[in-house]
Protein backbone atom coordinates (compact mmCIF):
# COMPACT_ATOMS: atom_id res chain seq x y z
CA MET A 1 -31.80 3.75 -12.23
CA SER A 2 -30.69 5.55 -9.06
CA LEU A 3 -30.44 2.20 -7.25
CA LEU A 4 -27.93 1.00 -9.86
CA VAL A 5 -25.93 4.19 -9.48
CA ALA A 6 -25.93 3.78 -5.70
CA LYS A 7 -24.73 0.18 -6.04
CA ASP A 8 -21.99 1.26 -8.46
CA LEU A 9 -20.86 3.99 -6.09
CA ASP A 10 -20.82 1.56 -3.18
CA LEU A 11 -18.75 -0.95 -5.16
CA GLU A 12 -16.30 1.78 -6.18
CA ARG A 13 -16.05 3.02 -2.59
CA ARG A 14 -15.32 -0.52 -1.37
CA ARG A 15 -12.73 -1.06 -4.11
CA LEU A 16 -10.96 2.19 -3.23
CA TYR A 17 -11.07 1.36 0.49
CA ASP A 18 -9.59 -2.10 -0.14
CA GLN A 19 -6.89 -0.56 -2.32
CA TRP A 20 -6.07 2.00 0.40
CA LYS A 21 -5.94 -0.74 3.04
CA LEU A 22 -3.57 -2.79 0.89
CA SER A 23 -1.32 0.25 0.41
CA LEU A 24 -1.16 0.72 4.18
CA GLN A 25 -0.26 -2.94 4.69
CA GLN A 26 2.47 -2.76 2.06
CA ALA A 27 3.87 0.40 3.63
CA ALA A 28 3.92 -1.27 7.04
CA LEU A 29 5.75 -4.29 5.62
CA ALA A 30 8.27 -2.07 3.85
CA ARG A 31 8.85 -0.11 7.04
CA ARG A 32 9.38 -3.29 9.04
CA GLY A 33 11.84 -4.52 6.43
CA ASN A 34 13.70 -1.21 6.50
CA ASP A 35 13.76 -1.12 10.30
CA SER A 36 15.35 -4.56 10.41
CA ILE A 37 18.32 -3.42 8.29
CA ASP A 38 21.39 -2.07 10.01
CA PRO A 39 21.34 1.74 9.61
CA SER A 40 24.76 1.75 7.99
CA ASN A 41 23.47 -0.55 5.22
CA ARG A 42 20.14 1.17 4.48
CA PHE A 43 21.54 3.30 1.66
CA ILE A 44 22.93 0.21 -0.04
CA ASP A 45 19.67 -1.67 0.46
CA ARG A 46 17.67 1.24 -1.01
CA SER A 47 19.90 1.47 -4.07
CA LEU A 48 19.65 -2.30 -4.69
CA LYS A 49 15.86 -2.17 -4.54
CA GLN A 50 15.77 0.60 -7.18
CA ASP A 51 17.55 -1.60 -9.76
């Protein structure tokens, strides 16, 4: 029984780690996209993305 619990916990830990890693990658991509926009147009770009 405890071996099954340990395996479940390990799978959950891996799933959460993968989810966290994906969030970091998405944040890095968003930052790169935002950095490539001319500063005077960032407000417009942000408002378009919200729609």
